[in-house]
Amino acid sequence: MGTPIKITLYDPKTHESLGEFEQNLITFEMLIKASQLKELLEDAPQAQRKWWWLIPFWEKEKSAEERQINAIMQLVTEFFDHQFSPEQLRRGADVTEVIAVIRSILARASGIIQANPTPPPLARPKGRK
């Protein structure tokens, strides 16, 4: 495992730290969700159908910006294993730290893929099983 990814939540009134949270493990599920989020942020109309897991079906239709922000908050709270709520994140996190968490997930996954690519299958000679 690599260096832990951390985020600090602050009291919105006093700006004092309420706690620091960290996560070492990036699961494949989290990688997929982060990739879908990246796609949503880059190309919202075409990516809409792929991030259904982020927005409950009972929520009313929101603007693209609201959906993107909610998707970011859901992903970050899920990444830190729901140790805090999306509302606590909204009110107490520094935006640069939230974006750094998303970038760290994607960067670590990208580094793993580049460092350990899957080799192509070996071709079998004709007539051998």
C-alpha atoms as a PDB file:
ATOM      1  CA  MET A   1       0.000   0.000   0.000  1.00  0.00           C
ATOM      2  CA  GLY A   2       1.108   3.504  -0.687  1.00  0.00           C
ATOM      3  CA  THR A   3       1.051   6.708   1.303  1.00  0.00           C
ATOM      4  CA  PRO A   4      -2.306   7.306   2.969  1.00  0.00           C
ATOM      5  CA  ILE A   5      -4.673   9.777   1.344  1.00  0.00           C
ATOM      6  CA  LYS A   6      -5.830  12.293   3.952  1.00  0.00           C
ATOM      7  CA  ILE A   7      -8.479  14.924   4.415  1.00  0.00           C
ATOM      8  CA  THR A   8      -9.120  17.284   7.315  1.00  0.00           C
ATOM      9  CA  LEU A   9     -12.531  18.618   8.294  1.00  0.00           C
ATOM     10  CA  TYR A  10     -12.721  22.021   9.938  1.00  0.00           C
ATOM     11  CA  ASP A  11     -15.262  23.853  12.074  1.00  0.00           C
ATOM     12  CA  PRO A  12     -16.849  26.302   9.610  1.00  0.00           C
ATOM     13  CA  LYS A  13     -17.053  29.044  12.256  1.00  0.00           C
ATOM     14  CA  THR A  14     -13.686  28.800  14.015  1.00  0.00           C
ATOM     15  CA  HIS A  15     -11.691  27.097  11.217  1.00  0.00           C
ATOM     16  CA  GLU A  16     -10.183  24.758  13.786  1.00  0.00           C
ATOM     17  CA  SER A  17      -9.570  21.159  12.831  1.00  0.00           C
ATOM     18  CA  LEU A  18     -12.372  18.767  13.773  1.00  0.00           C
ATOM     19  CA  GLY A  19     -10.411  15.737  12.695  1.00  0.00           C
ATOM     20  CA  GLU A  20      -8.134  14.227  10.105  1.00  0.00           C
ATOM     21  CA  PHE A  21      -9.223  11.168   8.169  1.00  0.00           C
ATOM     22  CA  GLU A  22      -7.030   8.862   6.128  1.00  0.00           C
ATOM     23  CA  GLN A  23      -7.408   5.901   3.825  1.00  0.00           C
ATOM     24  CA  ASN A  24      -4.686   3.609   2.517  1.00  0.00           C
ATOM     25  CA  LEU A  25      -6.664   1.203   0.379  1.00  0.00           C
ATOM     26  CA  ILE A  26      -8.056   2.090  -3.021  1.00  0.00           C
ATOM     27  CA  THR A  27     -10.368  -0.696  -4.091  1.00  0.00           C
ATOM     28  CA  PHE A  28     -11.196  -1.459  -7.715  1.00  0.00           C
ATOM     29  CA  GLU A  29     -14.732  -0.301  -7.011  1.00  0.00           C
ATOM     30  CA  MET A  30     -13.408   3.074  -5.862  1.00  0.00           C
ATOM     31  CA  LEU A  31     -11.192   3.304  -8.944  1.00  0.00           C
ATOM     32  CA  ILE A  32     -14.188   2.660 -11.192  1.00  0.00           C
ATOM     33  CA  LYS A  33     -16.291   5.254  -9.383  1.00  0.00           C
ATOM     34  CA  ALA A  34     -13.486   7.836  -9.486  1.00  0.00           C
ATOM     35  CA  SER A  35     -13.040   7.198 -13.215  1.00  0.00           C
ATOM     36  CA  GLN A  36     -16.772   7.620 -13.758  1.00  0.00           C
ATOM     37  CA  LEU A  37     -16.687  10.837 -11.760  1.00  0.00           C
ATOM     38  CA  LYS A  38     -13.785  12.124 -13.843  1.00  0.00           C
ATOM     39  CA  GLU A  39     -15.781  11.326 -16.966  1.00  0.00           C
ATOM     40  CA  LEU A  40     -18.821  13.107 -15.516  1.00  0.00           C
ATOM     41  CA  LEU A  41     -16.778  16.206 -14.766  1.00  0.00           C
ATOM     42  CA  GLU A  42     -15.188  16.265 -18.212  1.00  0.00           C
ATOM     43  CA  ASP A  43     -18.246  15.414 -20.311  1.00  0.00           C
ATOM     44  CA  ALA A  44     -21.405  15.597 -18.208  1.00  0.00           C
ATOM     45  CA  PRO A  45     -24.112  14.937 -20.855  1.00  0.00           C
ATOM     46  CA  GLN A  46     -22.553  11.751 -22.251  1.00  0.00           C
ATOM     47  CA  ALA A  47     -21.444  10.404 -18.866  1.00  0.00           C
ATOM     48  CA  GLN A  48     -24.783  10.885 -17.111  1.00  0.00           C
ATOM     49  CA  ARG A  49     -25.933   7.294 -17.456  1.00  0.00           C
ATOM     50  CA  LYS A  50     -22.741   5.840 -15.907  1.00  0.00           C
ATOM     51  CA  TRP A  51     -22.936   7.434 -12.481  1.00  0.00           C
ATOM     52  CA  TRP A  52     -26.419   6.358 -11.447  1.00  0.00           C
ATOM     53  CA  TRP A  53     -25.009   4.966  -8.180  1.00  0.00           C
ATOM     54  CA  LEU A  54     -24.271   8.479  -6.912  1.00  0.00           C
ATOM     55  CA  ILE A  55     -27.768   9.980  -6.943  1.00  0.00           C
ATOM     56  CA  PRO A  56     -30.765   8.258  -5.344  1.00  0.00           C
ATOM     57  CA  PHE A  57     -33.719   7.775  -7.670  1.00  0.00           C
ATOM     58  CA  TRP A  58     -36.058   9.838  -5.472  1.00  0.00           C
ATOM     59  CA  GLU A  59     -34.052  13.068  -5.788  1.00  0.00           C
ATOM     60  CA  LYS A  60     -35.430  15.716  -8.100  1.00  0.00           C
ATOM     61  CA  GLU A  61     -33.557  16.799 -11.210  1.00  0.00           C
ATOM     62  CA  LYS A  62     -30.687  19.187 -10.454  1.00  0.00           C
ATOM     63  CA  SER A  63     -28.377  21.355 -12.521  1.00  0.00           C
ATOM     64  CA  ALA A  64     -25.240  19.793 -13.979  1.00  0.00           C
ATOM     65  CA  GLU A  65     -23.075  21.715 -11.499  1.00  0.00           C
ATOM     66  CA  GLU A  66     -25.119  20.493  -8.533  1.00  0.00           C
ATOM     67  CA  ARG A  67     -24.951  16.902  -9.762  1.00  0.00           C
ATOM     68  CA  GLN A  68     -21.183  17.175 -10.169  1.00  0.00           C
ATOM     69  CA  ILE A  69     -20.668  18.621  -6.681  1.00  0.00           C
ATOM     70  CA  ASN A  70     -22.966  16.009  -5.119  1.00  0.00           C
ATOM     71  CA  ALA A  71     -21.134  13.248  -6.983  1.00  0.00           C
ATOM     72  CA  ILE A  72     -17.789  14.510  -5.658  1.00  0.00           C
ATOM     73  CA  MET A  73     -19.117  14.642  -2.091  1.00  0.00           C
ATOM     74  CA  GLN A  74     -20.604  11.144  -2.331  1.00  0.00           C
ATOM     75  CA  LEU A  75     -17.390   9.681  -3.719  1.00  0.00           C
ATOM     76  CA  VAL A  76     -15.173  11.287  -1.076  1.00  0.00           C
ATOM     77  CA  THR A  77     -17.415  10.246   1.820  1.00  0.00           C
ATOM     78  CA  GLU A  78     -17.582   6.717   0.429  1.00  0.00           C
ATOM     79  CA  PHE A  79     -13.809   6.625  -0.059  1.00  0.00           C
ATOM     80  CA  PHE A  80     -13.310   7.467   3.618  1.00  0.00           C
ATOM     81  CA  ASP A  81     -15.763   4.713   4.536  1.00  0.00           C
ATOM     82  CA  HIS A  82     -18.550   7.096   5.608  1.00  0.00           C
ATOM     83  CA  GLN A  83     -16.619   8.349   8.649  1.00  0.00           C
ATOM     84  CA  PHE A  84     -18.342  11.682   7.961  1.00  0.00           C
ATOM     85  CA  SER A  85     -21.434  12.696   6.019  1.00  0.00           C
ATOM     86  CA  PRO A  86     -21.603  14.572   2.710  1.00  0.00           C
ATOM     87  CA  GLU A  87     -23.089  17.491   4.658  1.00  0.00           C
ATOM     88  CA  GLN A  88     -20.130  17.522   7.076  1.00  0.00           C
ATOM     89  CA  LEU A  89     -17.815  17.428   4.065  1.00  0.00           C
ATOM     90  CA  ARG A  90     -19.721  20.279   2.400  1.00  0.00           C
ATOM     91  CA  ARG A  91     -19.498  22.483   5.468  1.00  0.00           C
ATOM     92  CA  GLY A  92     -16.070  21.603   6.802  1.00  0.00           C
ATOM     93  CA  ALA A  93     -13.650  20.573   4.057  1.00  0.00           C
ATOM     94  CA  ASP A  94     -11.262  22.740   2.124  1.00  0.00           C
ATOM     95  CA  VAL A  95     -12.100  22.435  -1.561  1.00  0.00           C
ATOM     96  CA  THR A  96      -8.444  21.931  -2.503  1.00  0.00           C
ATOM     97  CA  GLU A  97      -8.236  18.914  -0.202  1.00  0.00           C
ATOM     98  CA  VAL A  98     -11.395  17.391  -1.687  1.00  0.00           C
ATOM     99  CA  ILE A  99     -10.043  17.742  -5.220  1.00  0.00           C
ATOM    100  CA  ALA A 100      -6.648  16.439  -4.054  1.00  0.00           C
ATOM    101  CA  VAL A 101      -8.349  13.264  -2.788  1.00  0.00           C
ATOM    102  CA  ILE A 102      -9.956  12.635  -6.198  1.00  0.00           C
ATOM    103  CA  ARG A 103      -6.677  13.338  -8.005  1.00  0.00           C
ATOM    104  CA  SER A 104      -4.753  11.084  -5.608  1.00  0.00           C
ATOM    105  CA  ILE A 105      -7.082   8.153  -6.247  1.00  0.00           C
ATOM    106  CA  LEU A 106      -6.748   8.552 -10.010  1.00  0.00           C
ATOM    107  CA  ALA A 107      -2.989   9.212  -9.885  1.00  0.00           C
ATOM    108  CA  ARG A 108      -2.286   6.167  -7.736  1.00  0.00           C
ATOM    109  CA  ALA A 109      -4.379   3.963  -9.984  1.00  0.00           C
ATOM    110  CA  SER A 110      -2.677   5.388 -13.061  1.00  0.00           C
ATOM    111  CA  GLY A 111       0.744   4.725 -11.531  1.00  0.00           C
ATOM    112  CA  ILE A 112      -0.152   1.117 -10.797  1.00  0.00           C
ATOM    113  CA  ILE A 113      -1.384   0.546 -14.326  1.00  0.00           C
ATOM    114  CA  GLN A 114       1.753   2.079 -15.868  1.00  0.00           C
ATOM    115  CA  ALA A 115       4.113   0.231 -13.524  1.00  0.00           C
ATOM    116  CA  ASN A 116       2.467  -3.155 -13.956  1.00  0.00           C
ATOM    117  CA  PRO A 117       0.817  -3.477 -17.353  1.00  0.00           C
ATOM    118  CA  THR A 118      -0.851  -6.745 -18.206  1.00  0.00           C
ATOM    119  CA  PRO A 119       1.222  -8.496 -20.848  1.00  0.00           C
ATOM    120  CA  PRO A 120      -0.545  -9.646 -23.997  1.00  0.00           C
ATOM    121  CA  PRO A 121      -1.448 -13.330 -24.104  1.00  0.00           C
ATOM    122  CA  LEU A 122       1.210 -15.546 -25.609  1.00  0.00           C
ATOM    123  CA  ALA A 123       0.464 -16.855 -29.053  1.00  0.00           C
ATOM    124  CA  ARG A 124       0.424 -20.639 -29.230  1.00  0.00           C
ATOM    125  CA  PRO A 125       2.131 -22.313 -32.146  1.00  0.00           C
ATOM    126  CA  LYS A 126      -0.270 -23.943 -34.579  1.00  0.00           C
ATOM    127  CA  GLY A 127      -1.036 -27.543 -33.803  1.00  0.00           C
ATOM    128  CA  ARG A 128      -0.289 -27.228 -30.045  1.00  0.00           C
ATOM    129  CA  LYS A 129      -2.897 -27.215 -27.336  1.00  0.00           C
END
